[in-house]
PDB file of N, CA and C in Angstrom:
ATOM      1  N   MET A   1       5.388   6.019  -2.895  1.00  0.00           N
ATOM      2  CA  MET A   1       5.453   7.295  -2.290  1.00  0.00           C
ATOM      3  C   MET A   1       5.083   8.370  -3.348  1.00  0.00           C
ATOM      4  N   LYS A   2       5.481   8.197  -4.519  1.00  0.00           N
ATOM      5  CA  LYS A   2       5.089   9.251  -5.575  1.00  0.00           C
ATOM      6  C   LYS A   2       3.550   9.249  -5.654  1.00  0.00           C
ATOM      7  N   GLU A   3       2.854   8.189  -5.676  1.00  0.00           N
ATOM      8  CA  GLU A   3       1.524   8.225  -5.841  1.00  0.00           C
ATOM      9  C   GLU A   3       0.878   8.823  -4.521  1.00  0.00           C
ATOM     10  N   MET A   4       1.264   8.576  -3.404  1.00  0.00           N
ATOM     11  CA  MET A   4       0.796   9.234  -2.186  1.00  0.00           C
ATOM     12  C   MET A   4       0.995  10.673  -2.210  1.00  0.00           C
ATOM     13  N   LEU A   5       2.077  11.157  -2.598  1.00  0.00           N
ATOM     14  CA  LEU A   5       2.356  12.663  -2.646  1.00  0.00           C
ATOM     15  C   LEU A   5       1.469  13.197  -3.698  1.00  0.00           C
ATOM     16  N   LYS A   6       1.159  12.485  -4.798  1.00  0.00           N
ATOM     17  CA  LYS A   6       0.294  13.042  -5.826  1.00  0.00           C
ATOM     18  C   LYS A   6      -1.093  13.212  -5.302  1.00  0.00           C
ATOM     19  N   ARG A   7      -1.562  12.123  -4.440  1.00  0.00           N
ATOM     20  CA  ARG A   7      -2.859  12.205  -3.871  1.00  0.00           C
ATOM     21  C   ARG A   7      -3.092  13.397  -2.996  1.00  0.00           C
ATOM     22  N   ILE A   8      -2.058  13.799  -2.297  1.00  0.00           N
ATOM     23  CA  ILE A   8      -2.207  14.928  -1.429  1.00  0.00           C
ATOM     24  C   ILE A   8      -1.753  16.243  -2.055  1.00  0.00           C
ATOM     25  N   GLY A   9      -1.413  16.255  -3.315  1.00  0.00           N
ATOM     26  CA  GLY A   9      -1.049  17.469  -4.023  1.00  0.00           C
ATOM     27  C   GLY A   9       0.399  17.943  -3.775  1.00  0.00           C
ATOM     28  N   LEU A  10       1.254  17.083  -3.413  1.00  0.00           N
ATOM     29  CA  LEU A  10       2.646  17.476  -3.011  1.00  0.00           C
ATOM     30  C   LEU A  10       3.646  16.684  -3.807  1.00  0.00           C
ATOM     31  N   GLU A  11       3.277  16.273  -5.079  1.00  0.00           N
ATOM     32  CA  GLU A  11       4.155  15.456  -5.888  1.00  0.00           C
ATOM     33  C   GLU A  11       5.463  16.101  -6.194  1.00  0.00           C
ATOM     34  N   GLN A  12       5.509  17.425  -6.118  1.00  0.00           N
ATOM     35  CA  GLN A  12       6.656  18.163  -6.499  1.00  0.00           C
ATOM     36  C   GLN A  12       7.876  17.842  -5.473  1.00  0.00           C
ATOM     37  N   TYR A  13       7.572  17.288  -4.397  1.00  0.00           N
ATOM     38  CA  TYR A  13       8.596  16.857  -3.370  1.00  0.00           C
ATOM     39  C   TYR A  13       9.241  15.436  -3.716  1.00  0.00           C
ATOM     40  N   PHE A  14       8.661  14.730  -4.548  1.00  0.00           N
ATOM     41  CA  PHE A  14       9.119  13.327  -4.727  1.00  0.00           C
ATOM     42  C   PHE A  14      10.569  13.163  -4.920  1.00  0.00           C
ATOM     43  N   SER A  15      11.040  13.999  -5.883  1.00  0.00           N
ATOM     44  CA  SER A  15      12.453  13.810  -6.245  1.00  0.00           C
ATOM     45  C   SER A  15      13.326  14.208  -5.085  1.00  0.00           C
ATOM     46  N   ASN A  16      12.937  15.241  -4.246  1.00  0.00           N
ATOM     47  CA  ASN A  16      13.652  15.628  -3.057  1.00  0.00           C
ATOM     48  C   ASN A  16      13.819  14.537  -2.174  1.00  0.00           C
ATOM     49  N   LEU A  17      12.745  13.765  -1.908  1.00  0.00           N
ATOM     50  CA  LEU A  17      12.580  12.693  -0.987  1.00  0.00           C
ATOM     51  C   LEU A  17      13.376  11.536  -1.536  1.00  0.00           C
ATOM     52  N   GLU A  18      13.184  11.210  -2.843  1.00  0.00           N
ATOM     53  CA  GLU A  18      13.885  10.118  -3.445  1.00  0.00           C
ATOM     54  C   GLU A  18      15.321  10.293  -3.388  1.00  0.00           C
ATOM     55  N   ASP A  19      15.813  11.453  -3.735  1.00  0.00           N
ATOM     56  CA  ASP A  19      17.283  11.790  -3.651  1.00  0.00           C
ATOM     57  C   ASP A  19      17.939  11.569  -2.311  1.00  0.00           C
ATOM     58  N   ASN A  20      17.024  11.611  -1.230  1.00  0.00           N
ATOM     59  CA  ASN A  20      17.561  11.503   0.102  1.00  0.00           C
ATOM     60  C   ASN A  20      17.188  10.135   0.709  1.00  0.00           C
ATOM     61  N   GLY A  21      16.778   9.135  -0.108  1.00  0.00           N
ATOM     62  CA  GLY A  21      16.533   7.847   0.407  1.00  0.00           C
ATOM     63  C   GLY A  21      15.057   7.538   0.986  1.00  0.00           C
ATOM     64  N   PHE A  22      14.238   8.581   0.823  1.00  0.00           N
ATOM     65  CA  PHE A  22      12.870   8.364   1.230  1.00  0.00           C
ATOM     66  C   PHE A  22      11.955   8.171   0.117  1.00  0.00           C
ATOM     67  N   ASP A  23      12.097   7.012  -0.583  1.00  0.00           N
ATOM     68  CA  ASP A  23      11.392   6.785  -1.808  1.00  0.00           C
ATOM     69  C   ASP A  23      10.302   5.711  -1.654  1.00  0.00           C
ATOM     70  N   GLU A  24      10.287   5.094  -0.436  1.00  0.00           N
ATOM     71  CA  GLU A  24       9.291   3.988  -0.233  1.00  0.00           C
ATOM     72  C   GLU A  24       8.276   4.517   0.857  1.00  0.00           C
ATOM     73  N   LEU A  25       7.123   3.892   0.754  1.00  0.00           N
ATOM     74  CA  LEU A  25       6.037   4.322   1.789  1.00  0.00           C
ATOM     75  C   LEU A  25       6.425   3.971   3.122  1.00  0.00           C
ATOM     76  N   ASP A  26       7.155   2.817   3.363  1.00  0.00           N
ATOM     77  CA  ASP A  26       7.448   2.388   4.742  1.00  0.00           C
ATOM     78  C   ASP A  26       8.452   3.425   5.404  1.00  0.00           C
ATOM     79  N   PHE A  27       9.054   4.209   4.671  1.00  0.00           N
ATOM     80  CA  PHE A  27       9.865   5.241   5.270  1.00  0.00           C
ATOM     81  C   PHE A  27       9.025   6.419   6.002  1.00  0.00           C
ATOM     82  N   LEU A  28       7.810   6.476   5.561  1.00  0.00           N
ATOM     83  CA  LEU A  28       6.945   7.571   6.246  1.00  0.00           C
ATOM     84  C   LEU A  28       6.708   7.514   7.634  1.00  0.00           C
ATOM     85  N   GLU A  29       6.747   6.203   8.126  1.00  0.00           N
ATOM     86  CA  GLU A  29       6.685   6.025   9.595  1.00  0.00           C
ATOM     87  C   GLU A  29       7.788   6.806  10.378  1.00  0.00           C
ATOM     88  N   ASP A  30       8.897   6.895   9.863  1.00  0.00           N
ATOM     89  CA  ASP A  30      10.093   7.356  10.429  1.00  0.00           C
ATOM     90  C   ASP A  30      10.352   8.855   9.985  1.00  0.00           C
ATOM     91  N   LEU A  31       9.622   9.375   9.121  1.00  0.00           N
ATOM     92  CA  LEU A  31       9.893  10.793   8.666  1.00  0.00           C
ATOM     93  C   LEU A  31       9.470  11.734   9.688  1.00  0.00           C
ATOM     94  N   THR A  32      10.341  12.700   9.939  1.00  0.00           N
ATOM     95  CA  THR A  32       9.978  13.764  10.846  1.00  0.00           C
ATOM     96  C   THR A  32       9.835  15.034  10.162  1.00  0.00           C
ATOM     97  N   ASP A  33       9.261  16.038  10.882  1.00  0.00           N
ATOM     98  CA  ASP A  33       9.208  17.433  10.372  1.00  0.00           C
ATOM     99  C   ASP A  33      10.606  17.891   9.883  1.00  0.00           C
ATOM    100  N   GLN A  34      11.575  17.633  10.816  1.00  0.00           N
ATOM    101  CA  GLN A  34      12.945  18.079  10.496  1.00  0.00           C
ATOM    102  C   GLN A  34      13.480  17.407   9.234  1.00  0.00           C
ATOM    103  N   ASN A  35      13.176  15.990   9.124  1.00  0.00           N
ATOM    104  CA  ASN A  35      13.686  15.389   7.975  1.00  0.00           C
ATOM    105  C   ASN A  35      13.097  16.077   6.648  1.00  0.00           C
ATOM    106  N   LEU A  36      11.869  16.387   6.676  1.00  0.00           N
ATOM    107  CA  LEU A  36      11.171  17.101   5.507  1.00  0.00           C
ATOM    108  C   LEU A  36      11.794  18.429   5.330  1.00  0.00           C
ATOM    109  N   PHE A  37      11.952  19.122   6.347  1.00  0.00           N
ATOM    110  CA  PHE A  37      12.613  20.472   6.147  1.00  0.00           C
ATOM    111  C   PHE A  37      14.005  20.307   5.554  1.00  0.00           C
ATOM    112  N   ASP A  38      14.794  19.382   6.083  1.00  0.00           N
ATOM    113  CA  ASP A  38      16.062  19.202   5.473  1.00  0.00           C
ATOM    114  C   ASP A  38      16.231  18.819   4.054  1.00  0.00           C
ATOM    115  N   VAL A  39      15.227  18.187   3.562  1.00  0.00           N
ATOM    116  CA  VAL A  39      15.200  17.750   2.120  1.00  0.00           C
ATOM    117  C   VAL A  39      14.474  18.664   1.241  1.00  0.00           C
ATOM    118  N   GLY A  40      14.104  19.792   1.812  1.00  0.00           N
ATOM    119  CA  GLY A  40      13.582  20.941   0.964  1.00  0.00           C
ATOM    120  C   GLY A  40      12.096  21.075   0.981  1.00  0.00           C
ATOM    121  N   VAL A  41      11.381  20.367   1.881  1.00  0.00           N
ATOM    122  CA  VAL A  41       9.950  20.646   1.998  1.00  0.00           C
ATOM    123  C   VAL A  41       9.836  21.793   3.011  1.00  0.00           C
ATOM    124  N   LEU A  42       9.928  23.041   2.579  1.00  0.00           N
ATOM    125  CA  LEU A  42      10.020  24.209   3.420  1.00  0.00           C
ATOM    126  C   LEU A  42       8.752  24.694   4.051  1.00  0.00           C
ATOM    127  N   PRO A  43       7.606  24.749   3.278  1.00  0.00           N
ATOM    128  CA  PRO A  43       6.438  25.278   3.852  1.00  0.00           C
ATOM    129  C   PRO A  43       5.982  24.376   5.079  1.00  0.00           C
ATOM    130  N   GLN A  44       5.714  24.857   6.222  1.00  0.00           N
ATOM    131  CA  GLN A  44       5.290  24.063   7.399  1.00  0.00           C
ATOM    132  C   GLN A  44       3.986  23.361   7.102  1.00  0.00           C
ATOM    133  N   ASP A  45       3.080  23.888   6.412  1.00  0.00           N
ATOM    134  CA  ASP A  45       1.860  23.201   6.050  1.00  0.00           C
ATOM    135  C   ASP A  45       1.972  22.083   5.150  1.00  0.00           C
ATOM    136  N   HIS A  46       2.972  22.142   4.295  1.00  0.00           N
ATOM    137  CA  HIS A  46       3.303  21.025   3.455  1.00  0.00           C
ATOM    138  C   HIS A  46       3.882  19.829   4.242  1.00  0.00           C
ATOM    139  N   ARG A  47       4.796  20.221   5.191  1.00  0.00           N
ATOM    140  CA  ARG A  47       5.441  19.122   5.986  1.00  0.00           C
ATOM    141  C   ARG A  47       4.306  18.462   6.845  1.00  0.00           C
ATOM    142  N   ALA A  48       3.436  19.286   7.516  1.00  0.00           N
ATOM    143  CA  ALA A  48       2.343  18.780   8.281  1.00  0.00           C
ATOM    144  C   ALA A  48       1.495  17.856   7.540  1.00  0.00           C
ATOM    145  N   LYS A  49       1.240  18.183   6.307  1.00  0.00           N
ATOM    146  CA  LYS A  49       0.362  17.327   5.395  1.00  0.00           C
ATOM    147  C   LYS A  49       0.960  16.013   5.200  1.00  0.00           C
ATOM    148  N   VAL A  50       2.313  15.951   4.927  1.00  0.00           N
ATOM    149  CA  VAL A  50       2.921  14.703   4.725  1.00  0.00           C
ATOM    150  C   VAL A  50       3.040  13.920   6.091  1.00  0.00           C
ATOM    151  N   CYS A  51       3.338  14.526   7.135  1.00  0.00           N
ATOM    152  CA  CYS A  51       3.448  13.833   8.459  1.00  0.00           C
ATOM    153  C   CYS A  51       2.190  13.358   9.024  1.00  0.00           C
ATOM    154  N   SER A  52       1.073  13.974   8.581  1.00  0.00           N
ATOM    155  CA  SER A  52      -0.219  13.493   9.057  1.00  0.00           C
ATOM    156  C   SER A  52      -0.933  12.561   8.089  1.00  0.00           C
ATOM    157  N   PHE A  53      -0.318  12.174   7.099  1.00  0.00           N
ATOM    158  CA  PHE A  53      -0.928  11.173   6.273  1.00  0.00           C
ATOM    159  C   PHE A  53      -1.144   9.898   7.088  1.00  0.00           C
ATOM    160  N   PRO A  54      -2.400   9.447   7.055  1.00  0.00           N
ATOM    161  CA  PRO A  54      -2.822   8.337   8.013  1.00  0.00           C
ATOM    162  C   PRO A  54      -1.837   7.152   7.844  1.00  0.00           C
ATOM    163  N   LEU A  55      -1.269   6.690   8.979  1.00  0.00           N
ATOM    164  CA  LEU A  55      -0.552   5.484   8.962  1.00  0.00           C
ATOM    165  C   LEU A  55      -1.253   4.250   8.511  1.00  0.00           C
ATOM    166  N   ALA A  56      -2.555   4.209   8.841  1.00  0.00           N
ATOM    167  CA  ALA A  56      -3.321   3.112   8.476  1.00  0.00           C
ATOM    168  C   ALA A  56      -3.419   2.921   6.964  1.00  0.00           C
ATOM    169  N   VAL A  57      -3.480   4.121   6.314  1.00  0.00           N
ATOM    170  CA  VAL A  57      -3.581   4.064   4.886  1.00  0.00           C
ATOM    171  C   VAL A  57      -2.184   3.535   4.336  1.00  0.00           C
ATOM    172  N   ILE A  58      -1.059   3.998   4.883  1.00  0.00           N
ATOM    173  CA  ILE A  58       0.231   3.694   4.452  1.00  0.00           C
ATOM    174  C   ILE A  58       0.349   2.126   4.636  1.00  0.00           C
ATOM    175  N   HIS A  59       0.033   1.610   5.779  1.00  0.00           N
ATOM    176  CA  HIS A  59       0.169   0.133   5.942  1.00  0.00           C
ATOM    177  C   HIS A  59      -0.794  -0.601   5.049  1.00  0.00           C
ATOM    178  N   PHE A  60      -1.936  -0.160   4.692  1.00  0.00           N
ATOM    179  CA  PHE A  60      -2.878  -0.838   3.831  1.00  0.00           C
ATOM    180  C   PHE A  60      -2.169  -0.931   2.415  1.00  0.00           C
ATOM    181  N   VAL A  61      -1.578   0.253   1.948  1.00  0.00           N
ATOM    182  CA  VAL A  61      -0.987   0.347   0.618  1.00  0.00           C
ATOM    183  C   VAL A  61       0.174  -0.632   0.587  1.00  0.00           C
ATOM    184  N   ILE A  62       1.005  -0.585   1.606  1.00  0.00           N
ATOM    185  CA  ILE A  62       2.238  -1.396   1.654  1.00  0.00           C
ATOM    186  C   ILE A  62       1.803  -2.878   1.632  1.00  0.00           C
ATOM    187  N   ASN A  63       0.891  -3.309   2.414  1.00  0.00           N
ATOM    188  CA  ASN A  63       0.545  -4.730   2.481  1.00  0.00           C
ATOM    189  C   ASN A  63      -0.170  -5.104   1.184  1.00  0.00           C
ATOM    190  N   LYS A  64      -1.043  -4.304   0.595  1.00  0.00           N
ATOM    191  CA  LYS A  64      -1.665  -4.550  -0.569  1.00  0.00           C
ATOM    192  C   LYS A  64      -0.688  -4.801  -1.790  1.00  0.00           C
ATOM    193  N   CYS A  65       0.291  -3.994  -1.863  1.00  0.00           N
ATOM    194  CA  CYS A  65       1.272  -4.142  -2.827  1.00  0.00           C
ATOM    195  C   CYS A  65       2.221  -5.322  -2.606  1.00  0.00           C
ATOM    196  N   MET A  66       2.463  -5.823  -1.392  1.00  0.00           N
ATOM    197  CA  MET A  66       3.167  -6.879  -1.207  1.00  0.00           C
ATOM    198  C   MET A  66       2.604  -8.269  -1.565  1.00  0.00           C
ATOM    199  N   TYR A  67       1.287  -8.245  -1.597  1.00  0.00           N
ATOM    200  CA  TYR A  67       0.551  -9.634  -1.763  1.00  0.00           C
ATOM    201  C   TYR A  67      -0.164  -9.595  -3.000  1.00  0.00           C
TER     202      TYR A  67
END
């Protein structure tokens, strides 16, 4: 998760997400705009950037790391 946030320029939110249990990439599928707002990702454009991160990339990274 930290590396993904770094790649999209939003690594400053990692500790907020980690503190709220969203510290693994597989959680991204279930993250909503409201979840992000609730954990302190307040700018709408930042929430949209996280929510729009391609799921195909997430699955690729998860699968690559598992094997």
